[in-house]
C-alpha atoms as a PDB file:
ATOM      1  CA  MET A   1     102.657 -77.468 -48.442  1.00  0.00           C
ATOM      2  CA  VAL A   2     106.152 -77.007 -49.915  1.00  0.00           C
ATOM      3  CA  ASP A   3     107.939 -80.054 -51.264  1.00  0.00           C
ATOM      4  CA  ALA A   4     111.173 -80.790 -49.371  1.00  0.00           C
ATOM      5  CA  ARG A   5     112.935 -81.168 -52.670  1.00  0.00           C
ATOM      6  CA  GLU A   6     111.998 -77.621 -53.638  1.00  0.00           C
ATOM      7  CA  SER A   7     113.433 -76.182 -50.355  1.00  0.00           C
ATOM      8  CA  LYS A   8     117.043 -77.016 -51.247  1.00  0.00           C
ATOM      9  CA  PRO A   9     119.006 -73.872 -52.111  1.00  0.00           C
ATOM     10  CA  THR A  10     120.729 -75.379 -55.129  1.00  0.00           C
ATOM     11  CA  ALA A  11     120.454 -78.519 -57.200  1.00  0.00           C
ATOM     12  CA  ASN A  12     122.670 -79.638 -60.032  1.00  0.00           C
ATOM     13  CA  VAL A  13     120.486 -80.549 -62.995  1.00  0.00           C
ATOM     14  CA  VAL A  14     122.175 -82.751 -65.543  1.00  0.00           C
ATOM     15  CA  SER A  15     120.777 -84.379 -68.601  1.00  0.00           C
ATOM     16  CA  SER A  16     120.797 -88.149 -68.650  1.00  0.00           C
ATOM     17  CA  ALA A  17     122.556 -87.857 -71.989  1.00  0.00           C
ATOM     18  CA  LYS A  18     125.542 -86.141 -70.285  1.00  0.00           C
ATOM     19  CA  LEU A  19     126.045 -88.934 -67.797  1.00  0.00           C
ATOM     20  CA  HIS A  20     127.602 -90.943 -70.605  1.00  0.00           C
ATOM     21  CA  LYS A  21     129.329 -88.887 -73.250  1.00  0.00           C
ATOM     22  CA  ASN A  22     129.521 -91.787 -75.657  1.00  0.00           C
ATOM     23  CA  SER A  23     125.851 -92.800 -75.265  1.00  0.00           C
ATOM     24  CA  PRO A  24     122.640 -90.856 -75.910  1.00  0.00           C
ATOM     25  CA  LYS A  25     121.095 -92.469 -72.812  1.00  0.00           C
ATOM     26  CA  ALA A  26     122.504 -92.986 -69.338  1.00  0.00           C
ATOM     27  CA  SER A  27     122.635 -96.461 -67.908  1.00  0.00           C
ATOM     28  CA  GLY A  28     120.366 -97.362 -65.010  1.00  0.00           C
ATOM     29  CA  ASN A  29     123.437 -97.548 -62.718  1.00  0.00           C
ATOM     30  CA  ASP A  30     124.562 -94.015 -63.635  1.00  0.00           C
ATOM     31  CA  ILE A  31     121.079 -92.596 -63.057  1.00  0.00           C
ATOM     32  CA  PHE A  32     120.914 -94.379 -59.696  1.00  0.00           C
ATOM     33  CA  LYS A  33     124.290 -92.905 -58.654  1.00  0.00           C
ATOM     34  CA  ALA A  34     123.175 -89.431 -59.696  1.00  0.00           C
ATOM     35  CA  MET A  35     120.004 -89.741 -57.633  1.00  0.00           C
ATOM     36  CA  MET A  36     121.938 -90.975 -54.549  1.00  0.00           C
ATOM     37  CA  SER A  37     124.347 -88.048 -54.786  1.00  0.00           C
ATOM     38  CA  GLY A  38     121.499 -85.530 -54.742  1.00  0.00           C
ATOM     39  CA  THR A  39     121.809 -84.652 -58.416  1.00  0.00           C
ATOM     40  CA  ALA A  40     118.477 -84.296 -60.182  1.00  0.00           C
ATOM     41  CA  VAL A  41     118.219 -86.141 -63.454  1.00  0.00           C
ATOM     42  CA  LYS A  42     116.538 -84.227 -66.216  1.00  0.00           C
ATOM     43  CA  ARG A  43     114.163 -86.388 -68.222  1.00  0.00           C
ATOM     44  CA  PRO A  44     114.440 -86.259 -72.010  1.00  0.00           C
ATOM     45  CA  ALA A  45     112.028 -83.860 -73.707  1.00  0.00           C
ATOM     46  CA  SER A  46     110.516 -86.675 -75.774  1.00  0.00           C
ATOM     47  CA  SER A  47     109.485 -88.504 -72.578  1.00  0.00           C
ATOM     48  CA  GLN A  48     107.904 -85.371 -71.152  1.00  0.00           C
ATOM     49  CA  ALA A  49     105.943 -84.814 -74.341  1.00  0.00           C
ATOM     50  CA  SER A  50     104.734 -88.395 -74.265  1.00  0.00           C
ATOM     51  CA  ASP A  51     103.425 -88.037 -70.707  1.00  0.00           C
ATOM     52  CA  THR A  52     101.683 -84.793 -71.623  1.00  0.00           C
ATOM     53  CA  LYS A  53      99.918 -86.587 -74.443  1.00  0.00           C
ATOM     54  CA  LYS A  54      98.759 -89.380 -72.104  1.00  0.00           C
ATOM     55  CA  ARG A  55      97.299 -86.839 -69.682  1.00  0.00           C
ATOM     56  CA  LYS A  56      95.025 -85.331 -72.323  1.00  0.00           C
ATOM     57  CA  PRO A  57      91.973 -83.986 -70.464  1.00  0.00           C
ATOM     58  CA  LYS A  58      88.533 -85.446 -71.015  1.00  0.00           C
ATOM     59  CA  PRO A  59      86.168 -83.360 -73.136  1.00  0.00           C
ATOM     60  CA  LEU A  60      83.743 -81.325 -71.048  1.00  0.00           C
ATOM     61  CA  PRO A  61      80.054 -82.317 -71.146  1.00  0.00           C
ATOM     62  CA  ALA A  62      79.394 -79.046 -72.997  1.00  0.00           C
ATOM     63  CA  THR A  63      81.374 -80.400 -75.957  1.00  0.00           C
ATOM     64  CA  TYR A  64      78.352 -82.411 -77.083  1.00  0.00           C
ATOM     65  CA  ALA A  65      75.651 -80.213 -75.549  1.00  0.00           C
ATOM     66  CA  HIS A  66      74.250 -79.415 -79.002  1.00  0.00           C
ATOM     67  CA  LEU A  67      73.285 -83.074 -79.512  1.00  0.00           C
ATOM     68  CA  PRO A  68      69.756 -84.082 -78.433  1.00  0.00           C
ATOM     69  CA  LEU A  69      69.198 -86.540 -75.583  1.00  0.00           C
ATOM     70  CA  LEU A  70      67.969 -89.978 -76.583  1.00  0.00           C
ATOM     71  CA  PRO A  71      64.510 -90.786 -75.181  1.00  0.00           C
ATOM     72  CA  ASP A  72      63.916 -94.073 -73.383  1.00  0.00           C
ATOM     73  CA  ALA A  73      61.860 -96.763 -75.094  1.00  0.00           C
ATOM     74  CA  ILE A  74      60.000 -98.097 -72.066  1.00  0.00           C
ATOM     75  CA  SER A  75      56.568 -99.208 -70.882  1.00  0.00           C
ATOM     76  CA  ASP A  76      54.816-101.519 -68.429  1.00  0.00           C
ATOM     77  CA  GLY A  77      54.993-105.277 -68.819  1.00  0.00           C
ATOM     78  CA  LEU A  78      58.486-105.560 -70.297  1.00  0.00           C
ATOM     79  CA  LEU A  79      60.278-108.877 -70.483  1.00  0.00           C
ATOM     80  CA  VAL A  80      63.660-107.129 -70.571  1.00  0.00           C
ATOM     81  CA  LEU A  81      64.769-103.541 -70.035  1.00  0.00           C
ATOM     82  CA  PHE A  82      68.194-103.143 -71.682  1.00  0.00           C
ATOM     83  CA  VAL A  83      70.570-100.745 -69.921  1.00  0.00           C
ATOM     84  CA  GLY A  84      73.271 -99.253 -72.122  1.00  0.00           C
ATOM     85  CA  LEU A  85      76.182 -97.007 -71.132  1.00  0.00           C
ATOM     86  CA  ASN A  86      75.226 -93.747 -72.871  1.00  0.00           C
ATOM     87  CA  PRO A  87      74.446 -92.589 -76.422  1.00  0.00           C
ATOM     88  CA  GLY A  88      77.402 -92.505 -78.772  1.00  0.00           C
ATOM     89  CA  LEU A  89      77.727 -89.628 -81.219  1.00  0.00           C
ATOM     90  CA  GLU A  90      76.134 -91.537 -84.116  1.00  0.00           C
ATOM     91  CA  THR A  91      73.244 -92.602 -81.883  1.00  0.00           C
ATOM     92  CA  ALA A  92      72.721 -89.020 -80.669  1.00  0.00           C
ATOM     93  CA  ARG A  93      72.834 -87.589 -84.192  1.00  0.00           C
ATOM     94  CA  SER A  94      70.396 -90.161 -85.581  1.00  0.00           C
ATOM     95  CA  GLY A  95      68.100 -90.220 -82.544  1.00  0.00           C
ATOM     96  CA  HIS A  96      68.072 -94.038 -82.457  1.00  0.00           C
ATOM     97  CA  ALA A  97      69.704 -96.493 -80.064  1.00  0.00           C
ATOM     98  CA  TYR A  98      72.851 -98.427 -81.009  1.00  0.00           C
ATOM     99  CA  ALA A  99      72.863 -96.693 -84.391  1.00  0.00           C
ATOM    100  CA  HIS A 100      76.572 -96.998 -85.227  1.00  0.00           C
ATOM    101  CA  PRO A 101      76.907 -99.521 -88.076  1.00  0.00           C
ATOM    102  CA  THR A 102      79.678-101.436 -86.269  1.00  0.00           C
ATOM    103  CA  ASN A 103      77.655-101.934 -83.073  1.00  0.00           C
ATOM    104  CA  HIS A 104      76.483-105.538 -82.626  1.00  0.00           C
ATOM    105  CA  PHE A 105      73.417-104.885 -80.444  1.00  0.00           C
ATOM    106  CA  TRP A 106      70.683-105.443 -83.022  1.00  0.00           C
ATOM    107  CA  ARG A 107      72.558-108.344 -84.543  1.00  0.00           C
ATOM    108  CA  LEU A 108      72.893-110.087 -81.161  1.00  0.00           C
ATOM    109  CA  LEU A 109      69.213-109.578 -80.346  1.00  0.00           C
ATOM    110  CA  PHE A 110      68.267-111.551 -83.437  1.00  0.00           C
ATOM    111  CA  SER A 111      71.000-114.202 -83.366  1.00  0.00           C
ATOM    112  CA  SER A 112      70.216-115.018 -79.718  1.00  0.00           C
ATOM    113  CA  GLY A 113      66.463-115.301 -80.331  1.00  0.00           C
ATOM    114  CA  ILE A 114      65.537-112.275 -78.241  1.00  0.00           C
ATOM    115  CA  THR A 115      63.794-110.893 -81.334  1.00  0.00           C
ATOM    116  CA  PRO A 116      62.262-113.217 -83.952  1.00  0.00           C
ATOM    117  CA  ARG A 117      63.664-111.123 -86.798  1.00  0.00           C
ATOM    118  CA  ALA A 118      66.485-108.685 -87.439  1.00  0.00           C
ATOM    119  CA  CYS A 119      65.464-105.225 -86.281  1.00  0.00           C
ATOM    120  CA  ARG A 120      66.853-101.818 -87.194  1.00  0.00           C
ATOM    121  CA  PRO A 121      67.876 -98.898 -84.951  1.00  0.00           C
ATOM    122  CA  GLU A 122      64.953 -96.926 -86.409  1.00  0.00           C
ATOM    123  CA  GLU A 123      62.584 -99.381 -84.699  1.00  0.00           C
ATOM    124  CA  ASP A 124      63.908 -98.726 -81.195  1.00  0.00           C
ATOM    125  CA  GLY A 125      60.802 -96.821 -80.096  1.00  0.00           C
ATOM    126  CA  LYS A 126      58.544 -99.717 -81.130  1.00  0.00           C
ATOM    127  CA  MET A 127      60.407-102.404 -79.182  1.00  0.00           C
ATOM    128  CA  PRO A 128      58.107-102.286 -76.119  1.00  0.00           C
ATOM    129  CA  GLU A 129      55.003-102.718 -78.252  1.00  0.00           C
ATOM    130  CA  LEU A 130      56.464-105.268 -80.667  1.00  0.00           C
ATOM    131  CA  TYR A 131      58.463-107.542 -78.366  1.00  0.00           C
ATOM    132  CA  SER A 132      58.078-106.284 -74.771  1.00  0.00           C
ATOM    133  CA  LEU A 133      61.674-105.027 -74.814  1.00  0.00           C
ATOM    134  CA  GLY A 134      62.760-101.648 -73.449  1.00  0.00           C
ATOM    135  CA  LEU A 135      65.839 -99.444 -73.872  1.00  0.00           C
ATOM    136  CA  THR A 136      67.517 -96.981 -71.517  1.00  0.00           C
ATOM    137  CA  ASN A 137      71.031 -95.866 -70.445  1.00  0.00           C
ATOM    138  CA  ILE A 138      72.843 -95.333 -67.161  1.00  0.00           C
ATOM    139  CA  VAL A 139      74.070 -91.910 -68.417  1.00  0.00           C
ATOM    140  CA  SER A 140      71.875 -89.820 -70.687  1.00  0.00           C
ATOM    141  CA  ARG A 141      74.381 -87.379 -72.193  1.00  0.00           C
ATOM    142  CA  PRO A 142      76.167 -88.317 -75.432  1.00  0.00           C
ATOM    143  CA  SER A 143      79.929 -88.763 -75.709  1.00  0.00           C
ATOM    144  CA  ARG A 144      82.414 -90.156 -78.171  1.00  0.00           C
ATOM    145  CA  ASN A 145      83.175 -93.130 -75.899  1.00  0.00           C
ATOM    146  CA  GLY A 146      82.798 -94.375 -72.336  1.00  0.00           C
ATOM    147  CA  ALA A 147      86.213 -93.037 -71.295  1.00  0.00           C
ATOM    148  CA  GLU A 148      84.762 -89.515 -71.457  1.00  0.00           C
ATOM    149  CA  LEU A 149      82.240 -90.241 -68.692  1.00  0.00           C
ATOM    150  CA  SER A 150      83.072 -89.472 -65.072  1.00  0.00           C
ATOM    151  CA  LYS A 151      82.726 -91.873 -62.161  1.00  0.00           C
ATOM    152  CA  GLN A 152      80.257 -89.476 -60.570  1.00  0.00           C
ATOM    153  CA  GLU A 153      78.022 -89.505 -63.637  1.00  0.00           C
ATOM    154  CA  MET A 154      77.979 -93.281 -63.622  1.00  0.00           C
ATOM    155  CA  ASP A 155      77.187 -93.459 -59.909  1.00  0.00           C
ATOM    156  CA  ASP A 156      74.410 -90.856 -60.198  1.00  0.00           C
ATOM    157  CA  GLY A 157      72.840 -92.928 -62.964  1.00  0.00           C
ATOM    158  CA  VAL A 158      72.449 -95.966 -60.676  1.00  0.00           C
ATOM    159  CA  ALA A 159      69.738 -94.317 -58.552  1.00  0.00           C
ATOM    160  CA  LEU A 160      67.822 -93.392 -61.715  1.00  0.00           C
ATOM    161  CA  LEU A 161      67.928 -97.008 -62.894  1.00  0.00           C
ATOM    162  CA  HIS A 162      66.401 -98.163 -59.609  1.00  0.00           C
ATOM    163  CA  GLU A 163      63.674 -95.530 -59.984  1.00  0.00           C
ATOM    164  CA  LYS A 164      62.866 -96.699 -63.507  1.00  0.00           C
ATOM    165  CA  ALA A 165      62.740-100.296 -62.326  1.00  0.00           C
ATOM    166  CA  ARG A 166      60.253 -99.402 -59.559  1.00  0.00           C
ATOM    167  CA  LYS A 167      58.076 -97.345 -61.906  1.00  0.00           C
ATOM    168  CA  TRP A 168      57.885 -99.756 -64.858  1.00  0.00           C
ATOM    169  CA  ARG A 169      58.595-103.079 -63.127  1.00  0.00           C
ATOM    170  CA  PRO A 170      60.192-105.087 -65.950  1.00  0.00           C
ATOM    171  CA  GLU A 171      60.678-108.810 -65.401  1.00  0.00           C
ATOM    172  CA  SER A 172      64.410-108.398 -65.949  1.00  0.00           C
ATOM    173  CA  MET A 173      67.072-105.805 -66.682  1.00  0.00           C
ATOM    174  CA  CYS A 174      69.951-106.613 -69.027  1.00  0.00           C
ATOM    175  CA  ILE A 175      73.114-104.646 -68.213  1.00  0.00           C
ATOM    176  CA  VAL A 176      74.878-104.201 -71.562  1.00  0.00           C
ATOM    177  CA  GLY A 177      78.525-104.092 -70.507  1.00  0.00           C
ATOM    178  CA  LYS A 178      80.778-104.879 -67.557  1.00  0.00           C
ATOM    179  CA  SER A 179      81.570-101.244 -66.680  1.00  0.00           C
ATOM    180  CA  ILE A 180      77.878-100.487 -66.114  1.00  0.00           C
ATOM    181  CA  TRP A 181      77.512-103.386 -63.686  1.00  0.00           C
ATOM    182  CA  GLU A 182      80.703-102.344 -61.890  1.00  0.00           C
ATOM    183  CA  SER A 183      79.149 -98.920 -61.226  1.00  0.00           C
ATOM    184  CA  ILE A 184      75.919-100.471 -59.946  1.00  0.00           C
ATOM    185  CA  TRP A 185      77.899-102.864 -57.725  1.00  0.00           C
ATOM    186  CA  ARG A 186      80.187-100.102 -56.418  1.00  0.00           C
ATOM    187  CA  VAL A 187      77.222 -97.929 -55.394  1.00  0.00           C
ATOM    188  CA  ARG A 188      75.536-100.892 -53.677  1.00  0.00           C
ATOM    189  CA  HIS A 189      78.582-102.535 -52.038  1.00  0.00           C
ATOM    190  CA  GLY A 190      81.100 -99.701 -51.803  1.00  0.00           C
ATOM    191  CA  LYS A 191      83.677-101.475 -53.945  1.00  0.00           C
ATOM    192  CA  LEU A 192      84.155-103.153 -57.321  1.00  0.00           C
ATOM    193  CA  PRO A 193      82.921-106.746 -57.708  1.00  0.00           C
ATOM    194  CA  GLY A 194      86.416-108.121 -58.324  1.00  0.00           C
ATOM    195  CA  LYS A 195      86.291-111.917 -58.195  1.00  0.00           C
ATOM    196  CA  ASN A 196      82.538-111.737 -57.664  1.00  0.00           C
ATOM    197  CA  PHE A 197      82.004-110.486 -61.204  1.00  0.00           C
ATOM    198  CA  LYS A 198      80.317-112.830 -63.634  1.00  0.00           C
ATOM    199  CA  TYR A 199      78.370-112.519 -66.857  1.00  0.00           C
ATOM    200  CA  GLY A 200      74.853-113.888 -67.024  1.00  0.00           C
ATOM    201  CA  TRP A 201      72.158-114.042 -64.356  1.00  0.00           C
ATOM    202  CA  GLN A 202      72.979-112.485 -61.001  1.00  0.00           C
ATOM    203  CA  ASP A 203      71.806-113.598 -57.577  1.00  0.00           C
ATOM    204  CA  THR A 204      68.293-112.433 -56.662  1.00  0.00           C
ATOM    205  CA  SER A 205      69.848-110.363 -53.871  1.00  0.00           C
ATOM    206  CA  GLU A 206      71.106-108.071 -56.660  1.00  0.00           C
ATOM    207  CA  ASN A 207      67.636-107.410 -58.145  1.00  0.00           C
ATOM    208  CA  MET A 208      67.015-103.828 -59.263  1.00  0.00           C
ATOM    209  CA  GLY A 209      64.308-101.586 -57.833  1.00  0.00           C
ATOM    210  CA  VAL A 210      63.192-103.802 -54.958  1.00  0.00           C
ATOM    211  CA  ILE A 211      60.243-102.483 -52.923  1.00  0.00           C
ATOM    212  CA  ARG A 212      60.196-104.330 -49.607  1.00  0.00           C
ATOM    213  CA  GLY A 213      56.953-106.136 -48.951  1.00  0.00           C
ATOM    214  CA  GLU A 214      55.559-105.160 -52.346  1.00  0.00           C
ATOM    215  CA  TRP A 215      57.825-106.072 -55.268  1.00  0.00           C
ATOM    216  CA  LYS A 216      60.827-108.384 -55.465  1.00  0.00           C
ATOM    217  CA  GLY A 217      62.525-106.248 -58.114  1.00  0.00           C
ATOM    218  CA  ALA A 218      63.768-106.883 -61.640  1.00  0.00           C
ATOM    219  CA  ARG A 219      66.092-109.822 -62.084  1.00  0.00           C
ATOM    220  CA  VAL A 220      69.529-108.817 -63.445  1.00  0.00           C
ATOM    221  CA  PHE A 221      71.380-110.295 -66.420  1.00  0.00           C
ATOM    222  CA  VAL A 222      74.850-108.922 -67.203  1.00  0.00           C
ATOM    223  CA  ALA A 223      75.714-109.177 -70.898  1.00  0.00           C
ATOM    224  CA  THR A 224      78.821-108.183 -72.794  1.00  0.00           C
ATOM    225  CA  THR A 225      79.179-104.802 -74.380  1.00  0.00           C
ATOM    226  CA  THR A 226      78.037-104.728 -78.008  1.00  0.00           C
ATOM    227  CA  SER A 227      80.547-102.088 -79.080  1.00  0.00           C
ATOM    228  CA  ALA A 228      82.945-103.174 -81.801  1.00  0.00           C
ATOM    229  CA  LEU A 229      85.681-101.206 -80.009  1.00  0.00           C
ATOM    230  CA  ALA A 230      85.806-103.854 -77.272  1.00  0.00           C
ATOM    231  CA  LYS A 231      88.345-106.444 -78.433  1.00  0.00           C
ATOM    232  CA  ASN A 232      88.801-108.379 -75.185  1.00  0.00           C
ATOM    233  CA  MET A 233      86.217-111.033 -76.170  1.00  0.00           C
ATOM    234  CA  SER A 234      85.593-112.859 -79.408  1.00  0.00           C
ATOM    235  CA  MET A 235      82.243-112.616 -81.142  1.00  0.00           C
ATOM    236  CA  GLU A 236      81.708-116.308 -80.396  1.00  0.00           C
ATOM    237  CA  ASP A 237      82.175-115.732 -76.649  1.00  0.00           C
ATOM    238  CA  LYS A 238      79.770-112.791 -76.722  1.00  0.00           C
ATOM    239  CA  GLN A 239      77.226-114.864 -78.601  1.00  0.00           C
ATOM    240  CA  GLU A 240      77.393-117.625 -76.002  1.00  0.00           C
ATOM    241  CA  ILE A 241      76.513-115.187 -73.222  1.00  0.00           C
ATOM    242  CA  TRP A 242      73.714-113.511 -75.174  1.00  0.00           C
ATOM    243  CA  ASP A 243      72.261-116.916 -76.088  1.00  0.00           C
ATOM    244  CA  LYS A 244      71.552-117.559 -72.392  1.00  0.00           C
ATOM    245  CA  LEU A 245      69.381-114.472 -72.221  1.00  0.00           C
ATOM    246  CA  GLY A 246      67.778-115.393 -75.528  1.00  0.00           C
ATOM    247  CA  SER A 247      66.769-118.837 -74.240  1.00  0.00           C
ATOM    248  CA  TRP A 248      65.116-117.272 -71.200  1.00  0.00           C
ATOM    249  CA  VAL A 249      63.264-114.669 -73.283  1.00  0.00           C
ATOM    250  CA  MET A 250      61.901-117.305 -75.671  1.00  0.00           C
ATOM    251  CA  ALA A 251      60.717-119.480 -72.768  1.00  0.00           C
ATOM    252  CA  ARG A 252      59.029-116.523 -71.066  1.00  0.00           C
ATOM    253  CA  ARG A 253      57.382-115.456 -74.311  1.00  0.00           C
ATOM    254  CA  ILE A 254      55.873-118.938 -74.723  1.00  0.00           C
ATOM    255  CA  ALA A 255      54.703-118.915 -71.095  1.00  0.00           C
ATOM    256  CA  ARG A 256      53.084-115.512 -71.552  1.00  0.00           C
ATOM    257  CA  GLU A 257      51.213-116.690 -74.654  1.00  0.00           C
ATOM    258  CA  LYS A 258      49.993-119.750 -72.756  1.00  0.00           C
ATOM    259  CA  ASP A 259      48.774-117.523 -69.924  1.00  0.00           C
ATOM    260  CA  LYS A 260      46.904-115.343 -72.432  1.00  0.00           C
ATOM    261  CA  VAL A 261      45.205-118.373 -74.006  1.00  0.00           C
ATOM    262  CA  GLU A 262      44.201-119.749 -70.626  1.00  0.00           C
ATOM    263  CA  ALA A 263      42.901-116.353 -69.505  1.00  0.00           C
ATOM    264  CA  LYS A 264      40.891-115.991 -72.727  1.00  0.00           C
ATOM    265  CA  GLU A 265      39.427-119.477 -72.430  1.00  0.00           C
ATOM    266  CA  GLY A 266      38.519-118.799 -68.813  1.00  0.00           C
ATOM    267  CA  ALA A 267      36.816-115.534 -69.728  1.00  0.00           C
ATOM    268  CA  GLU A 268      34.872-117.213 -72.555  1.00  0.00           C
ATOM    269  CA  ALA A 269      33.760-120.070 -70.286  1.00  0.00           C
ATOM    270  CA  GLU A 270      32.595-117.601 -67.663  1.00  0.00           C
ATOM    271  CA  ALA A 271      30.684-115.581 -70.256  1.00  0.00           C
ATOM    272  CA  ALA A 272      29.005-118.752 -71.611  1.00  0.00           C
ATOM    273  CA  LEU A 273      27.995-119.803 -68.121  1.00  0.00           C
ATOM    274  CA  LYS A 274      26.425-116.420 -67.443  1.00  0.00           C
ATOM    275  CA  LYS A 275      24.588-116.571 -70.791  1.00  0.00           C
ATOM    276  CA  ASP A 276      22.967-119.927 -69.912  1.00  0.00           C
ATOM    277  CA  LEU A 277      21.747-118.771 -66.515  1.00  0.00           C
ATOM    278  CA  PRO A 278      18.177-117.443 -66.316  1.00  0.00           C
ATOM    279  CA  THR A 279      17.918-113.714 -66.110  1.00  0.00           C
ATOM    280  CA  ASP A 280      15.345-113.899 -63.280  1.00  0.00           C
ATOM    281  CA  LEU A 281      16.881-116.068 -60.572  1.00  0.00           C
ATOM    282  CA  SER A 282      13.869-115.536 -58.347  1.00  0.00           C
ATOM    283  CA  SER A 283      11.914-118.119 -60.377  1.00  0.00           C
ATOM    284  CA  VAL A 284      14.461-120.869 -59.843  1.00  0.00           C
ATOM    285  CA  ASN A 285      13.093-123.631 -57.527  1.00  0.00           C
ATOM    286  CA  SER A 286      10.042-121.467 -56.717  1.00  0.00           C
ATOM    287  CA  ASP A 287       6.868-123.090 -55.317  1.00  0.00           C
ATOM    288  CA  ASP A 288       3.603-121.890 -56.904  1.00  0.00           C
ATOM    289  CA  THR A 289       1.348-123.538 -54.264  1.00  0.00           C
ATOM    290  CA  THR A 290      -0.241-121.385 -51.656  1.00  0.00           C
ATOM    291  CA  THR A 291      -1.068-122.215 -48.125  1.00  0.00           C
END
């Protein structure tokens, strides 16, 4: 389709600087008059260059294709499966989650009580075994930052998260960052959460990986991003949100230990009872008299 403006046979093009000889810039009134008279106003070169800079294309996925994919740290029986955005360049190079020294993930795990000690990125693969905590991402390919990911990549990752939830069945899934939850919500509801967005525990209707009639799904907790690049929240505000998850994890860990003790005591009592029973039950209450 041809633009109506391009179909005009001639058009006077004047620089905004020429509209006022004594001023390097034309006033808003002069530009308005020029537009109403059909005269096109040429934008200054500096403005055009600025717009070109803003429209800098995103790097193609192939830009970081040489970097290895980060494996999930995941297993059955998890208390929490943490869902990150995607591996950053430092994480991809090192092969360990949240490896950039300015990232607050490992620090927040400890300060909130989710882990009983400060852990290192190099221990990411041991988290399921050590503390029943798992790690995965909504997008697997590395990038310098989240702005380099496409909407389609994010949306495609939502289905994979549901599949992982159904396979491993964690008690909960912690979404590490608002943008991740917005993608999950958009795929489920067809729009962004808007005023419905909130950090913390989500309604059970938003559980991940639900299998009707079989499994109620993983409960969802939305936490703040742990990237130091995010300046919209103070560290104190982030800590307050993470503390809520930490309190739940500590309570569940105590409950699990209690269940283990009770199960062990029950098994020991059952074994003792069996040990005291006679091996030949046919002799119990038997009558040796004959008729």
